[in-house]
Protein backbone atom coordinates (compact mmCIF):
# COMPACT_ATOMS: atom_id res chain seq x y z
CA MET A 1 21.96 11.69 -0.19
CA ALA A 2 23.00 12.53 3.37
CA GLY A 3 20.77 11.40 6.20
CA LEU A 4 17.08 10.64 6.20
CA ASP A 5 15.11 13.64 4.95
CA ILE A 6 11.48 12.53 5.18
CA LYS A 7 10.03 15.60 3.45
CA ALA A 8 12.43 15.25 0.50
CA THR A 9 11.63 11.53 0.31
CA ARG A 10 7.86 12.03 0.22
CA ASN A 11 8.19 14.80 -2.35
CA ALA A 12 10.51 12.65 -4.52
CA ILE A 13 7.99 9.79 -4.49
CA ALA A 14 5.20 12.17 -5.48
CA THR A 15 7.37 13.58 -8.27
CA VAL A 16 8.09 10.09 -9.61
CA LEU A 17 4.38 9.26 -9.67
CA GLU A 18 3.48 12.60 -11.24
CA ALA A 19 6.23 12.30 -13.87
CA ALA A 20 4.88 8.94 -14.98
CA SER A 21 1.66 9.05 -16.97
CA ILE A 22 -0.04 8.26 -13.69
CA GLY A 23 0.03 11.93 -12.67
CA GLN A 24 -2.07 12.93 -15.68
CA ASP A 25 -5.07 10.97 -14.49
CA VAL A 26 -4.43 10.63 -10.77
CA ALA A 27 -4.16 13.21 -7.99
CA VAL A 28 -0.92 12.54 -6.07
CA TYR A 29 -0.57 13.85 -2.51
CA ALA A 30 2.79 13.83 -0.71
CA TYR A 31 0.85 15.17 2.28
CA SER A 32 -2.79 15.09 3.34
CA PRO A 33 -4.85 17.27 1.02
CA GLY A 34 -6.92 18.73 3.86
CA PRO A 35 -7.98 18.52 7.48
CA ASP A 36 -10.18 15.45 6.96
CA PRO A 37 -8.15 12.54 5.54
CA ASP A 38 -11.35 10.76 4.47
CA ILE A 39 -12.17 13.58 2.07
CA VAL A 40 -9.92 13.56 -0.96
CA THR A 41 -10.52 15.66 -4.03
CA GLY A 42 -9.78 13.90 -7.24
CA SER A 43 -10.28 10.28 -8.04
CA PRO A 44 -8.27 8.23 -8.37
CA ALA A 45 -5.93 9.61 -5.74
CA ILE A 46 -2.62 8.42 -4.30
CA LEU A 47 -1.78 9.41 -0.73
CA ILE A 48 1.71 9.06 0.73
CA GLY A 49 1.75 8.70 4.51
CA HIS A 50 3.67 7.11 7.37
CA ALA A 51 3.39 3.40 8.14
CA PRO A 52 4.43 1.52 11.28
CA GLY A 53 7.99 0.25 11.34
CA THR A 54 10.29 3.23 10.99
CA ASP A 55 13.65 2.46 12.58
CA TYR A 56 16.27 5.21 12.76
CA ARG A 57 18.93 2.70 13.84
CA LEU A 58 18.32 -0.31 11.63
CA THR A 59 22.07 -0.89 11.66
CA PHE A 60 24.72 0.72 13.82
CA GLY A 61 28.22 1.98 13.19
CA ALA A 62 29.78 4.79 11.23
CA ARG A 63 27.61 4.02 8.18
CA GLY A 64 24.43 3.23 10.05
CA LEU A 65 21.27 2.62 8.08
CA ALA A 66 17.84 4.10 8.77
CA GLN A 67 14.58 2.50 7.63
CA LEU A 68 11.51 4.58 6.87
CA LYS A 69 8.19 2.91 6.11
CA LEU A 70 5.57 4.78 4.15
CA GLU A 71 2.08 3.74 3.15
CA ILE A 72 1.11 4.31 -0.46
CA GLU A 73 -2.68 4.34 -0.48
CA ILE A 74 -4.73 4.43 -3.66
CA ARG A 75 -8.32 5.63 -3.50
CA CYS A 76 -10.96 5.46 -6.21
CA THR A 77 -14.55 6.59 -6.16
CA SER A 78 -17.35 5.80 -8.56
CA ALA A 79 -21.09 5.53 -8.69
CA ASP A 80 -20.66 1.77 -8.64
CA GLY A 81 -18.03 -0.35 -6.93
CA VAL A 82 -17.06 -2.19 -10.09
CA SER A 83 -15.70 0.95 -11.79
CA ALA A 84 -13.66 1.80 -8.69
CA GLU A 85 -12.24 -1.73 -8.51
CA LEU A 86 -11.37 -1.67 -12.22
CA ALA A 87 -9.54 1.65 -11.74
CA LEU A 88 -7.64 0.18 -8.77
CA ASP A 89 -6.72 -2.93 -10.77
CA ASP A 90 -5.27 -0.71 -13.50
CA LEU A 91 -3.13 1.22 -10.99
CA LEU A 92 -2.02 -1.95 -9.16
CA ASN A 93 -0.80 -3.80 -12.27
CA ALA A 94 2.87 -4.81 -12.18
CA GLY A 95 5.30 -5.66 -14.94
CA THR A 96 2.77 -5.14 -17.73
CA GLY A 97 4.45 -2.10 -19.25
CA ALA A 98 1.29 -0.10 -18.60
CA THR A 99 2.10 3.53 -17.78
CA SER A 100 -0.61 3.50 -15.12
CA SER A 101 1.30 0.99 -12.95
CA ILE A 102 2.25 2.50 -9.60
CA PHE A 103 4.47 -0.52 -8.90
CA ASP A 104 6.41 -0.08 -12.15
CA ALA A 105 6.81 3.67 -11.59
CA LEU A 106 8.18 3.24 -8.07
CA THR A 107 10.49 0.30 -8.85
CA ALA A 108 12.03 1.72 -12.04
CA ASP A 109 14.47 3.75 -9.90
CA PRO A 110 14.39 2.60 -6.27
CA THR A 111 16.51 5.63 -5.25
CA PHE A 112 14.01 8.18 -6.63
CA GLY A 113 16.71 10.11 -8.43
CA GLY A 114 19.28 9.60 -5.69
CA VAL A 115 17.16 11.01 -2.87
CA VAL A 116 17.28 7.70 -0.94
CA GLY A 117 19.70 4.79 -0.78
CA ASN A 118 17.19 2.12 -1.83
CA SER A 119 13.53 1.17 -1.53
CA GLU A 120 11.19 -1.78 -1.89
CA LEU A 121 7.45 -2.32 -2.13
CA SER A 122 5.68 -4.93 -0.01
CA ASP A 123 2.51 -5.87 1.88
CA PRO A 124 -0.17 -5.08 -0.71
CA THR A 125 -3.71 -4.96 0.55
CA PRO A 126 -6.58 -6.00 -1.69
CA PRO A 127 -9.09 -3.39 -2.84
CA ARG A 128 -11.77 -2.84 -0.20
CA PRO A 129 -14.74 -0.52 0.26
CA VAL A 130 -14.26 2.23 2.88
CA ARG A 131 -17.10 3.62 4.94
CA PRO A 132 -15.86 6.53 7.08
CA GLY A 133 -16.99 5.95 10.64
CA GLY A 134 -17.47 2.27 9.89
CA SER A 135 -21.03 2.49 8.57
CA GLY A 136 -23.12 4.21 5.96
CA PRO A 137 -22.52 4.40 2.24
CA VAL A 138 -19.19 3.51 0.65
CA ALA A 139 -17.16 6.72 0.28
CA TYR A 140 -14.38 5.19 -1.82
CA TRP A 141 -12.48 1.99 -2.57
CA SER A 142 -8.94 1.69 -1.27
CA ALA A 143 -5.83 -0.44 -1.68
CA SER A 144 -2.37 0.15 -0.31
CA PHE A 145 1.13 -1.19 0.05
CA THR A 146 4.18 -0.42 2.13
CA LEU A 147 7.15 1.37 0.63
CA THR A 148 10.26 0.76 2.73
CA ILE A 149 13.08 3.26 2.35
CA TYR A 150 16.64 2.37 3.32
CA GLN A 151 18.85 5.38 3.85
CA PRO A 152 22.38 5.80 5.26
CA ARG A 153 22.22 8.13 8.26
CA SER A 154 25.43 9.89 7.31
C-alpha cells in the first residue's frame, strides 16, 4: 500500500464486486467497455470511473494523504422502466444482508484487501432514465454514488 495507484484501485474495486455474488449477475467494468460509454453490453452493469474531487495533496507532510474520487455507476435496461428500477433497487440495498448489495460489498472491507488506506461511499443519486443525446427513447436506467479513496502518498 505505497502511494496512490489508480489502476490497482479500480481493479481491486472490480474484483470485490465480482467476488461478491453481484458479479454472477452483473457485468462489472473497471474501465469503459468500449469507445461509446453509452453502449454497455450486459445488464445490469457497474461502471467504475473518475469523479470530480481528486486531491493529491489532501494533507501535507511526510505522511501526506491523497484523495481519489470515483463514480460507481449502475445501469439497468429492460423493456419497461419498472423492471430496470426494481433491478436498481436490489443493487442499491444497504445493510439487508442481500448478496446483491453493492453498498455492502464495498463497505465490508474499505481497504479492498489492503490496496488502499480507507474508503467511503457517499452522494447517491436516485434511479433515473437516460436518453443518450438528451432525447429519444430511454436507453437505460442509471444510479450512482461516489466512492472516496483515502491513500497515504508514501
